[in-house]
Full PDB file with SEQRES, HELIX, SHEET, SSBOND, CRYST1, ORIGX, SCALE, CONECT and MASTER records, all heavy atoms in Angstrom:
SEQRES   1 A   38  THR ALA LEU LEU ALA ASN ASN VAL ASP ALA VAL THR THR          
SEQRES   2 A   38  ASP ASP VAL LEU LEU ALA GLY TYR ALA ALA GLN ASN PRO          
SEQRES   3 A   38  GLU LEU LEU ARG VAL VAL GLY GLN SER PHE SER LYS              
HELIX    1 AA1 ASP A   15  GLN A   24  1                                  10    
CRYST1    1.000    1.000    1.000  90.00  90.00  90.00 P 1           1          
ORIGX1      1.000000  0.000000  0.000000        0.00000                         
ORIGX2      0.000000  1.000000  0.000000        0.00000                         
ORIGX3      0.000000  0.000000  1.000000        0.00000                         
SCALE1      1.000000  0.000000  0.000000        0.00000                         
SCALE2      0.000000  1.000000  0.000000        0.00000                         
SCALE3      0.000000  0.000000  1.000000        0.00000                         
ATOM      1  N   THR A   1       7.960  -1.223   5.033  1.00  0.00           N  
ATOM      2  CA  THR A   1       8.421  -1.504   6.399  1.00  0.00           C  
ATOM      3  C   THR A   1       8.110  -0.333   7.322  1.00  0.00           C  
ATOM      4  O   THR A   1       7.656  -0.518   8.454  1.00  0.00           O  
ATOM      5  CB  THR A   1       9.927  -1.791   6.401  1.00  0.00           C  
ATOM      6  OG1 THR A   1      10.196  -2.933   5.583  1.00  0.00           O  
ATOM      7  CG2 THR A   1      10.437  -2.056   7.815  1.00  0.00           C  
ATOM      8  N   ALA A   2       8.343   0.889   6.843  1.00  0.00           N  
ATOM      9  CA  ALA A   2       8.048   2.087   7.634  1.00  0.00           C  
ATOM     10  C   ALA A   2       6.554   2.216   7.900  1.00  0.00           C  
ATOM     11  O   ALA A   2       6.132   2.649   8.984  1.00  0.00           O  
ATOM     12  CB  ALA A   2       8.573   3.326   6.906  1.00  0.00           C  
ATOM     13  N   LEU A   3       5.732   1.835   6.926  1.00  0.00           N  
ATOM     14  CA  LEU A   3       4.279   1.878   7.113  1.00  0.00           C  
ATOM     15  C   LEU A   3       3.842   0.886   8.187  1.00  0.00           C  
ATOM     16  O   LEU A   3       3.036   1.215   9.069  1.00  0.00           O  
ATOM     17  CB  LEU A   3       3.592   1.573   5.786  1.00  0.00           C  
ATOM     18  CG  LEU A   3       2.058   1.613   5.780  1.00  0.00           C  
ATOM     19  CD1 LEU A   3       1.543   3.018   6.091  1.00  0.00           C  
ATOM     20  CD2 LEU A   3       1.517   1.138   4.425  1.00  0.00           C  
ATOM     21  N   LEU A   4       4.379  -0.312   8.133  1.00  0.00           N  
ATOM     22  CA  LEU A   4       4.044  -1.328   9.137  1.00  0.00           C  
ATOM     23  C   LEU A   4       4.507  -0.917  10.534  1.00  0.00           C  
ATOM     24  O   LEU A   4       3.890  -1.270  11.541  1.00  0.00           O  
ATOM     25  CB  LEU A   4       4.668  -2.669   8.747  1.00  0.00           C  
ATOM     26  CG  LEU A   4       4.064  -3.370   7.522  1.00  0.00           C  
ATOM     27  CD1 LEU A   4       4.950  -4.503   7.048  1.00  0.00           C  
ATOM     28  CD2 LEU A   4       2.660  -3.880   7.842  1.00  0.00           C  
ATOM     29  N   ALA A   5       5.599  -0.143  10.593  1.00  0.00           N  
ATOM     30  CA  ALA A   5       6.150   0.304  11.874  1.00  0.00           C  
ATOM     31  C   ALA A   5       5.521   1.613  12.355  1.00  0.00           C  
ATOM     32  O   ALA A   5       5.940   2.160  13.385  1.00  0.00           O  
ATOM     33  CB  ALA A   5       7.651   0.489  11.750  1.00  0.00           C  
ATOM     34  N   ASN A   6       4.536   2.118  11.614  1.00  0.00           N  
ATOM     35  CA  ASN A   6       3.841   3.359  11.965  1.00  0.00           C  
ATOM     36  C   ASN A   6       4.743   4.589  11.865  1.00  0.00           C  
ATOM     37  O   ASN A   6       4.482   5.610  12.505  1.00  0.00           O  
ATOM     38  CB  ASN A   6       3.238   3.266  13.369  1.00  0.00           C  
ATOM     39  CG  ASN A   6       2.086   4.239  13.579  1.00  0.00           C  
ATOM     40  OD1 ASN A   6       1.360   4.547  12.641  1.00  0.00           O  
ATOM     41  ND2 ASN A   6       1.931   4.730  14.793  1.00  0.00           N  
ATOM     42  N   ASN A   7       5.778   4.511  11.046  1.00  0.00           N  
ATOM     43  CA  ASN A   7       6.663   5.653  10.850  1.00  0.00           C  
ATOM     44  C   ASN A   7       6.203   6.549   9.704  1.00  0.00           C  
ATOM     45  O   ASN A   7       6.682   7.675   9.571  1.00  0.00           O  
ATOM     46  CB  ASN A   7       8.090   5.180  10.588  1.00  0.00           C  
ATOM     47  CG  ASN A   7       8.719   4.544  11.814  1.00  0.00           C  
ATOM     48  OD1 ASN A   7       8.415   4.926  12.950  1.00  0.00           O  
ATOM     49  ND2 ASN A   7       9.573   3.551  11.595  1.00  0.00           N  
ATOM     50  N   VAL A   8       5.325   6.047   8.854  1.00  0.00           N  
ATOM     51  CA  VAL A   8       4.664   6.851   7.831  1.00  0.00           C  
ATOM     52  C   VAL A   8       3.194   6.446   7.825  1.00  0.00           C  
ATOM     53  O   VAL A   8       2.815   5.416   8.394  1.00  0.00           O  
ATOM     54  CB  VAL A   8       5.291   6.647   6.430  1.00  0.00           C  
ATOM     55  CG1 VAL A   8       6.753   7.078   6.419  1.00  0.00           C  
ATOM     56  CG2 VAL A   8       5.137   5.208   5.950  1.00  0.00           C  
ATOM     57  N   ASP A   9       2.372   7.263   7.163  1.00  0.00           N  
ATOM     58  CA  ASP A   9       0.933   7.006   7.172  1.00  0.00           C  
ATOM     59  C   ASP A   9       0.421   6.407   5.866  1.00  0.00           C  
ATOM     60  O   ASP A   9      -0.669   5.819   5.836  1.00  0.00           O  
ATOM     61  CB  ASP A   9       0.189   8.310   7.456  1.00  0.00           C  
ATOM     62  CG  ASP A   9       0.585   8.896   8.802  1.00  0.00           C  
ATOM     63  OD1 ASP A   9       0.385   8.213   9.819  1.00  0.00           O  
ATOM     64  OD2 ASP A   9       1.115  10.018   8.818  1.00  0.00           O  
ATOM     65  N   ALA A  10       1.178   6.571   4.800  1.00  0.00           N  
ATOM     66  CA  ALA A  10       0.758   6.026   3.507  1.00  0.00           C  
ATOM     67  C   ALA A  10       1.977   5.879   2.613  1.00  0.00           C  
ATOM     68  O   ALA A  10       2.986   6.571   2.782  1.00  0.00           O  
ATOM     69  CB  ALA A  10      -0.275   6.932   2.840  1.00  0.00           C  
ATOM     70  N   VAL A  11       1.867   4.972   1.671  1.00  0.00           N  
ATOM     71  CA  VAL A  11       2.895   4.770   0.645  1.00  0.00           C  
ATOM     72  C   VAL A  11       2.218   4.983  -0.698  1.00  0.00           C  
ATOM     73  O   VAL A  11       1.095   4.504  -0.910  1.00  0.00           O  
ATOM     74  CB  VAL A  11       3.496   3.351   0.714  1.00  0.00           C  
ATOM     75  CG1 VAL A  11       4.518   3.148  -0.413  1.00  0.00           C  
ATOM     76  CG2 VAL A  11       4.131   3.091   2.066  1.00  0.00           C  
ATOM     77  N   THR A  12       2.869   5.704  -1.581  1.00  0.00           N  
ATOM     78  CA  THR A  12       2.282   5.885  -2.902  1.00  0.00           C  
ATOM     79  C   THR A  12       3.222   5.409  -3.996  1.00  0.00           C  
ATOM     80  O   THR A  12       4.424   5.633  -3.957  1.00  0.00           O  
ATOM     81  CB  THR A  12       1.902   7.358  -3.170  1.00  0.00           C  
ATOM     82  OG1 THR A  12       1.163   7.423  -4.396  1.00  0.00           O  
ATOM     83  CG2 THR A  12       3.118   8.264  -3.257  1.00  0.00           C  
ATOM     84  N   THR A  13       2.653   4.685  -4.905  1.00  0.00           N  
ATOM     85  CA  THR A  13       3.286   4.294  -6.159  1.00  0.00           C  
ATOM     86  C   THR A  13       2.176   3.696  -7.017  1.00  0.00           C  
ATOM     87  O   THR A  13       0.993   3.928  -6.753  1.00  0.00           O  
ATOM     88  CB  THR A  13       4.468   3.333  -5.959  1.00  0.00           C  
ATOM     89  OG1 THR A  13       5.123   3.114  -7.222  1.00  0.00           O  
ATOM     90  CG2 THR A  13       4.039   1.984  -5.395  1.00  0.00           C  
ATOM     91  N   ASP A  14       2.516   2.904  -7.988  1.00  0.00           N  
ATOM     92  CA  ASP A  14       1.515   2.370  -8.907  1.00  0.00           C  
ATOM     93  C   ASP A  14       0.684   1.272  -8.242  1.00  0.00           C  
ATOM     94  O   ASP A  14       1.190   0.477  -7.443  1.00  0.00           O  
ATOM     95  CB  ASP A  14       2.200   1.831 -10.160  1.00  0.00           C  
ATOM     96  CG  ASP A  14       3.055   2.899 -10.822  1.00  0.00           C  
ATOM     97  OD1 ASP A  14       2.833   4.098 -10.556  1.00  0.00           O  
ATOM     98  OD2 ASP A  14       3.960   2.541 -11.596  1.00  0.00           O  
ATOM     99  N   ASP A  15      -0.590   1.226  -8.626  1.00  0.00           N  
ATOM    100  CA  ASP A  15      -1.524   0.320  -7.965  1.00  0.00           C  
ATOM    101  C   ASP A  15      -1.119  -1.144  -8.070  1.00  0.00           C  
ATOM    102  O   ASP A  15      -1.315  -1.919  -7.129  1.00  0.00           O  
ATOM    103  CB  ASP A  15      -2.947   0.522  -8.492  1.00  0.00           C  
ATOM    104  CG  ASP A  15      -3.058   0.472 -10.013  1.00  0.00           C  
ATOM    105  OD1 ASP A  15      -2.075   0.139 -10.702  1.00  0.00           O  
ATOM    106  OD2 ASP A  15      -4.161   0.777 -10.532  1.00  0.00           O  
ATOM    107  N   VAL A  16      -0.528  -1.546  -9.193  1.00  0.00           N  
ATOM    108  CA  VAL A  16      -0.157  -2.947  -9.354  1.00  0.00           C  
ATOM    109  C   VAL A  16       0.943  -3.340  -8.370  1.00  0.00           C  
ATOM    110  O   VAL A  16       0.960  -4.468  -7.859  1.00  0.00           O  
ATOM    111  CB  VAL A  16       0.261  -3.235 -10.813  1.00  0.00           C  
ATOM    112  CG1 VAL A  16       1.541  -2.498 -11.191  1.00  0.00           C  
ATOM    113  CG2 VAL A  16       0.420  -4.731 -11.044  1.00  0.00           C  
ATOM    114  N   LEU A  17       1.853  -2.422  -8.055  1.00  0.00           N  
ATOM    115  CA  LEU A  17       2.895  -2.697  -7.070  1.00  0.00           C  
ATOM    116  C   LEU A  17       2.300  -2.751  -5.670  1.00  0.00           C  
ATOM    117  O   LEU A  17       2.640  -3.631  -4.859  1.00  0.00           O  
ATOM    118  CB  LEU A  17       3.978  -1.622  -7.127  1.00  0.00           C  
ATOM    119  CG  LEU A  17       4.715  -1.448  -8.444  1.00  0.00           C  
ATOM    120  CD1 LEU A  17       5.745  -0.328  -8.332  1.00  0.00           C  
ATOM    121  CD2 LEU A  17       5.396  -2.744  -8.844  1.00  0.00           C  
ATOM    122  N   LEU A  18       1.433  -1.812  -5.361  1.00  0.00           N  
ATOM    123  CA  LEU A  18       0.822  -1.779  -4.033  1.00  0.00           C  
ATOM    124  C   LEU A  18      -0.019  -3.026  -3.793  1.00  0.00           C  
ATOM    125  O   LEU A  18      -0.069  -3.536  -2.668  1.00  0.00           O  
ATOM    126  CB  LEU A  18      -0.034  -0.518  -3.890  1.00  0.00           C  
ATOM    127  CG  LEU A  18       0.725   0.810  -4.001  1.00  0.00           C  
ATOM    128  CD1 LEU A  18      -0.243   1.979  -3.858  1.00  0.00           C  
ATOM    129  CD2 LEU A  18       1.844   0.902  -2.979  1.00  0.00           C  
ATOM    130  N   ALA A  19      -0.669  -3.535  -4.833  1.00  0.00           N  
ATOM    131  CA  ALA A  19      -1.452  -4.766  -4.694  1.00  0.00           C  
ATOM    132  C   ALA A  19      -0.554  -5.930  -4.292  1.00  0.00           C  
ATOM    133  O   ALA A  19      -0.944  -6.780  -3.479  1.00  0.00           O  
ATOM    134  CB  ALA A  19      -2.172  -5.088  -6.002  1.00  0.00           C  
ATOM    135  N   GLY A  20       0.657  -5.968  -4.839  1.00  0.00           N  
ATOM    136  CA  GLY A  20       1.594  -7.019  -4.474  1.00  0.00           C  
ATOM    137  C   GLY A  20       2.021  -6.941  -3.017  1.00  0.00           C  
ATOM    138  O   GLY A  20       2.094  -7.957  -2.319  1.00  0.00           O  
ATOM    139  N   TYR A  21       2.286  -5.734  -2.532  1.00  0.00           N  
ATOM    140  CA  TYR A  21       2.662  -5.571  -1.122  1.00  0.00           C  
ATOM    141  C   TYR A  21       1.491  -5.892  -0.200  1.00  0.00           C  
ATOM    142  O   TYR A  21       1.678  -6.505   0.857  1.00  0.00           O  
ATOM    143  CB  TYR A  21       3.146  -4.143  -0.872  1.00  0.00           C  
ATOM    144  CG  TYR A  21       4.479  -3.829  -1.480  1.00  0.00           C  
ATOM    145  CD1 TYR A  21       4.621  -2.825  -2.421  1.00  0.00           C  
ATOM    146  CD2 TYR A  21       5.614  -4.551  -1.117  1.00  0.00           C  
ATOM    147  CE1 TYR A  21       5.854  -2.529  -2.986  1.00  0.00           C  
ATOM    148  CE2 TYR A  21       6.849  -4.269  -1.671  1.00  0.00           C  
ATOM    149  CZ  TYR A  21       6.968  -3.256  -2.609  1.00  0.00           C  
ATOM    150  OH  TYR A  21       8.198  -2.979  -3.179  1.00  0.00           O  
ATOM    151  N   ALA A  22       0.288  -5.483  -0.587  1.00  0.00           N  
ATOM    152  CA  ALA A  22      -0.883  -5.786   0.235  1.00  0.00           C  
ATOM    153  C   ALA A  22      -1.124  -7.295   0.299  1.00  0.00           C  
ATOM    154  O   ALA A  22      -1.522  -7.826   1.343  1.00  0.00           O  
ATOM    155  CB  ALA A  22      -2.111  -5.073  -0.325  1.00  0.00           C  
ATOM    156  N   ALA A  23      -0.868  -7.983  -0.811  1.00  0.00           N  
ATOM    157  CA  ALA A  23      -1.055  -9.438  -0.835  1.00  0.00           C  
ATOM    158  C   ALA A  23      -0.078 -10.138   0.098  1.00  0.00           C  
ATOM    159  O   ALA A  23      -0.373 -11.225   0.605  1.00  0.00           O  
ATOM    160  CB  ALA A  23      -0.888  -9.952  -2.258  1.00  0.00           C  
ATOM    161  N   GLN A  24       1.081  -9.532   0.339  1.00  0.00           N  
ATOM    162  CA  GLN A  24       2.055 -10.110   1.265  1.00  0.00           C  
ATOM    163  C   GLN A  24       1.631  -9.925   2.718  1.00  0.00           C  
ATOM    164  O   GLN A  24       2.057 -10.681   3.599  1.00  0.00           O  
ATOM    165  CB  GLN A  24       3.425  -9.482   1.052  1.00  0.00           C  
ATOM    166  CG  GLN A  24       4.125  -9.910  -0.217  1.00  0.00           C  
ATOM    167  CD  GLN A  24       5.539  -9.361  -0.302  1.00  0.00           C  
ATOM    168  OE1 GLN A  24       5.832  -8.272   0.166  1.00  0.00           O  
ATOM    169  NE2 GLN A  24       6.432 -10.129  -0.909  1.00  0.00           N  
ATOM    170  N   ASN A  25       0.817  -8.899   2.986  1.00  0.00           N  
ATOM    171  CA  ASN A  25       0.388  -8.579   4.357  1.00  0.00           C  
ATOM    172  C   ASN A  25      -1.122  -8.311   4.370  1.00  0.00           C  
ATOM    173  O   ASN A  25      -1.570  -7.213   4.723  1.00  0.00           O  
ATOM    174  CB  ASN A  25       1.133  -7.344   4.873  1.00  0.00           C  
ATOM    175  CG  ASN A  25       2.640  -7.515   4.865  1.00  0.00           C  
ATOM    176  OD1 ASN A  25       3.222  -8.055   5.784  1.00  0.00           O  
ATOM    177  ND2 ASN A  25       3.275  -7.036   3.790  1.00  0.00           N  
ATOM    178  N   PRO A  26      -1.933  -9.299   3.994  1.00  0.00           N  
ATOM    179  CA  PRO A  26      -3.367  -9.054   3.780  1.00  0.00           C  
ATOM    180  C   PRO A  26      -4.134  -8.658   5.022  1.00  0.00           C  
ATOM    181  O   PRO A  26      -5.206  -8.044   4.914  1.00  0.00           O  
ATOM    182  CB  PRO A  26      -3.862 -10.385   3.209  1.00  0.00           C  
ATOM    183  CG  PRO A  26      -2.899 -11.406   3.719  1.00  0.00           C  
ATOM    184  CD  PRO A  26      -1.573 -10.709   3.756  1.00  0.00           C  
ATOM    185  N   GLU A  27      -3.639  -8.996   6.209  1.00  0.00           N  
ATOM    186  CA  GLU A  27      -4.350  -8.639   7.435  1.00  0.00           C  
ATOM    187  C   GLU A  27      -3.895  -7.300   7.996  1.00  0.00           C  
ATOM    188  O   GLU A  27      -4.499  -6.784   8.948  1.00  0.00           O  
ATOM    189  CB  GLU A  27      -4.146  -9.733   8.485  1.00  0.00           C  
ATOM    190  CG  GLU A  27      -4.726 -11.083   8.069  1.00  0.00           C  
ATOM    191  CD  GLU A  27      -4.491 -12.153   9.109  1.00  0.00           C  
ATOM    192  OE1 GLU A  27      -3.831 -11.856  10.127  1.00  0.00           O  
ATOM    193  OE2 GLU A  27      -4.963 -13.288   8.906  1.00  0.00           O  
ATOM    194  N   LEU A  28      -2.833  -6.733   7.407  1.00  0.00           N  
ATOM    195  CA  LEU A  28      -2.257  -5.506   7.959  1.00  0.00           C  
ATOM    196  C   LEU A  28      -2.354  -4.309   7.020  1.00  0.00           C  
ATOM    197  O   LEU A  28      -2.411  -3.163   7.475  1.00  0.00           O  
ATOM    198  CB  LEU A  28      -0.783  -5.737   8.321  1.00  0.00           C  
ATOM    199  CG  LEU A  28      -0.493  -6.838   9.341  1.00  0.00           C  
ATOM    200  CD1 LEU A  28       1.012  -7.040   9.473  1.00  0.00           C  
ATOM    201  CD2 LEU A  28      -1.105  -6.481  10.693  1.00  0.00           C  
ATOM    202  N   LEU A  29      -2.363  -4.565   5.713  1.00  0.00           N  
ATOM    203  CA  LEU A  29      -2.308  -3.473   4.748  1.00  0.00           C  
ATOM    204  C   LEU A  29      -3.418  -3.592   3.717  1.00  0.00           C  
ATOM    205  O   LEU A  29      -3.889  -4.691   3.414  1.00  0.00           O  
ATOM    206  CB  LEU A  29      -0.957  -3.473   4.031  1.00  0.00           C  
ATOM    207  CG  LEU A  29       0.298  -3.313   4.899  1.00  0.00           C  
ATOM    208  CD1 LEU A  29       1.548  -3.444   4.042  1.00  0.00           C  
ATOM    209  CD2 LEU A  29       0.289  -1.990   5.641  1.00  0.00           C  
ATOM    210  N   ARG A  30      -3.803  -2.447   3.151  1.00  0.00           N  
ATOM    211  CA  ARG A  30      -4.811  -2.439   2.088  1.00  0.00           C  
ATOM    212  C   ARG A  30      -4.511  -1.301   1.117  1.00  0.00           C  
ATOM    213  O   ARG A  30      -3.868  -0.302   1.470  1.00  0.00           O  
ATOM    214  CB  ARG A  30      -6.212  -2.264   2.654  1.00  0.00           C  
ATOM    215  CG  ARG A  30      -6.449  -0.934   3.342  1.00  0.00           C  
ATOM    216  CD  ARG A  30      -7.873  -0.836   3.893  1.00  0.00           C  
ATOM    217  NE  ARG A  30      -8.071   0.417   4.616  1.00  0.00           N  
ATOM    218  CZ  ARG A  30      -8.449   1.563   4.039  1.00  0.00           C  
ATOM    219  NH1 ARG A  30      -8.690   1.606   2.730  1.00  0.00           N  
ATOM    220  NH2 ARG A  30      -8.617   2.665   4.755  1.00  0.00           N  
ATOM    221  N   VAL A  31      -4.958  -1.464  -0.104  1.00  0.00           N  
ATOM    222  CA  VAL A  31      -4.870  -0.410  -1.102  1.00  0.00           C  
ATOM    223  C   VAL A  31      -6.142   0.411  -1.027  1.00  0.00           C  
ATOM    224  O   VAL A  31      -7.254  -0.146  -0.967  1.00  0.00           O  
ATOM    225  CB  VAL A  31      -4.685  -1.001  -2.517  1.00  0.00           C  
ATOM    226  CG1 VAL A  31      -4.601   0.114  -3.555  1.00  0.00           C  
ATOM    227  CG2 VAL A  31      -3.436  -1.876  -2.568  1.00  0.00           C  
ATOM    228  N   VAL A  32      -6.022   1.732  -1.012  1.00  0.00           N  
ATOM    229  CA  VAL A  32      -7.193   2.602  -0.895  1.00  0.00           C  
ATOM    230  C   VAL A  32      -8.167   2.357  -2.039  1.00  0.00           C  
ATOM    231  O   VAL A  32      -9.383   2.349  -1.857  1.00  0.00           O  
ATOM    232  CB  VAL A  32      -6.754   4.085  -0.842  1.00  0.00           C  
ATOM    233  CG1 VAL A  32      -7.961   5.021  -0.960  1.00  0.00           C  
ATOM    234  CG2 VAL A  32      -6.004   4.358   0.465  1.00  0.00           C  
ATOM    235  N   GLY A  33      -7.635   2.174  -3.260  1.00  0.00           N  
ATOM    236  CA  GLY A  33      -8.490   1.822  -4.381  1.00  0.00           C  
ATOM    237  C   GLY A  33      -9.068   3.005  -5.126  1.00  0.00           C  
ATOM    238  O   GLY A  33     -10.111   2.885  -5.781  1.00  0.00           O  
ATOM    239  N   GLN A  34      -8.392   4.152  -5.040  1.00  0.00           N  
ATOM    240  CA  GLN A  34      -8.815   5.346  -5.768  1.00  0.00           C  
ATOM    241  C   GLN A  34      -7.654   5.820  -6.642  1.00  0.00           C  
ATOM    242  O   GLN A  34      -6.953   6.762  -6.302  1.00  0.00           O  
ATOM    243  CB  GLN A  34      -9.242   6.446  -4.786  1.00  0.00           C  
ATOM    244  CG  GLN A  34     -10.427   6.092  -3.916  1.00  0.00           C  
ATOM    245  CD  GLN A  34     -11.720   5.998  -4.689  1.00  0.00           C  
ATOM    246  OE1 GLN A  34     -11.895   6.658  -5.714  1.00  0.00           O  
ATOM    247  NE2 GLN A  34     -12.634   5.157  -4.217  1.00  0.00           N  
ATOM    248  N   SER A  35      -7.425   5.162  -7.755  1.00  0.00           N  
ATOM    249  CA  SER A  35      -6.285   5.526  -8.595  1.00  0.00           C  
ATOM    250  C   SER A  35      -6.478   6.919  -9.166  1.00  0.00           C  
ATOM    251  O   SER A  35      -7.588   7.330  -9.485  1.00  0.00           O  
ATOM    252  CB  SER A  35      -6.080   4.496  -9.708  1.00  0.00           C  
ATOM    253  OG  SER A  35      -7.203   4.464 -10.561  1.00  0.00           O  
ATOM    254  N   PHE A  36      -5.363   7.653  -9.292  1.00  0.00           N  
ATOM    255  CA  PHE A  36      -5.466   9.058  -9.673  1.00  0.00           C  
ATOM    256  C   PHE A  36      -4.397   9.493 -10.667  1.00  0.00           C  
ATOM    257  O   PHE A  36      -4.048  10.665 -10.749  1.00  0.00           O  
ATOM    258  CB  PHE A  36      -5.413   9.952  -8.418  1.00  0.00           C  
ATOM    259  CG  PHE A  36      -4.307   9.625  -7.450  1.00  0.00           C  
ATOM    260  CD1 PHE A  36      -3.051  10.196  -7.577  1.00  0.00           C  
ATOM    261  CD2 PHE A  36      -4.529   8.731  -6.415  1.00  0.00           C  
ATOM    262  CE1 PHE A  36      -2.035   9.891  -6.689  1.00  0.00           C  
ATOM    263  CE2 PHE A  36      -3.515   8.429  -5.514  1.00  0.00           C  
ATOM    264  CZ  PHE A  36      -2.270   9.013  -5.647  1.00  0.00           C  
ATOM    265  N   SER A  37      -3.869   8.557 -11.411  1.00  0.00           N  
ATOM    266  CA  SER A  37      -2.946   8.923 -12.490  1.00  0.00           C  
ATOM    267  C   SER A  37      -2.892   7.779 -13.483  1.00  0.00           C  
ATOM    268  O   SER A  37      -3.474   6.712 -13.267  1.00  0.00           O  
ATOM    269  CB  SER A  37      -1.543   9.216 -11.954  1.00  0.00           C  
ATOM    270  OG  SER A  37      -0.867   8.008 -11.640  1.00  0.00           O  
ATOM    271  N   LYS A  38      -2.172   7.996 -14.557  1.00  0.00           N  
ATOM    272  CA  LYS A  38      -1.967   6.966 -15.572  1.00  0.00           C  
ATOM    273  C   LYS A  38      -0.472   6.791 -15.758  1.00  0.00           C  
ATOM    274  O   LYS A  38       0.223   7.733 -16.144  1.00  0.00           O  
ATOM    275  CB  LYS A  38      -2.628   7.388 -16.887  1.00  0.00           C  
ATOM    276  CG  LYS A  38      -2.532   6.370 -18.012  1.00  0.00           C  
ATOM    277  CD  LYS A  38      -3.219   6.911 -19.244  1.00  0.00           C  
ATOM    278  CE  LYS A  38      -3.135   5.943 -20.411  1.00  0.00           C  
ATOM    279  NZ  LYS A  38      -3.770   6.496 -21.635  1.00  0.00           N  
TER     280      LYS A  38                                                      
MASTER        0    0    0    1    0    0    0    6  279    1    0    3          
END                                                                             
């Protein structure tokens, strides 16, 4: 919600979770696609 409101610039957590949020807002949000942990 804060990202959509421009109150933060990025959200970080696991890619599978971020994919779910991006799927809810496909025209507004995207996953960077550069995973950097396991």
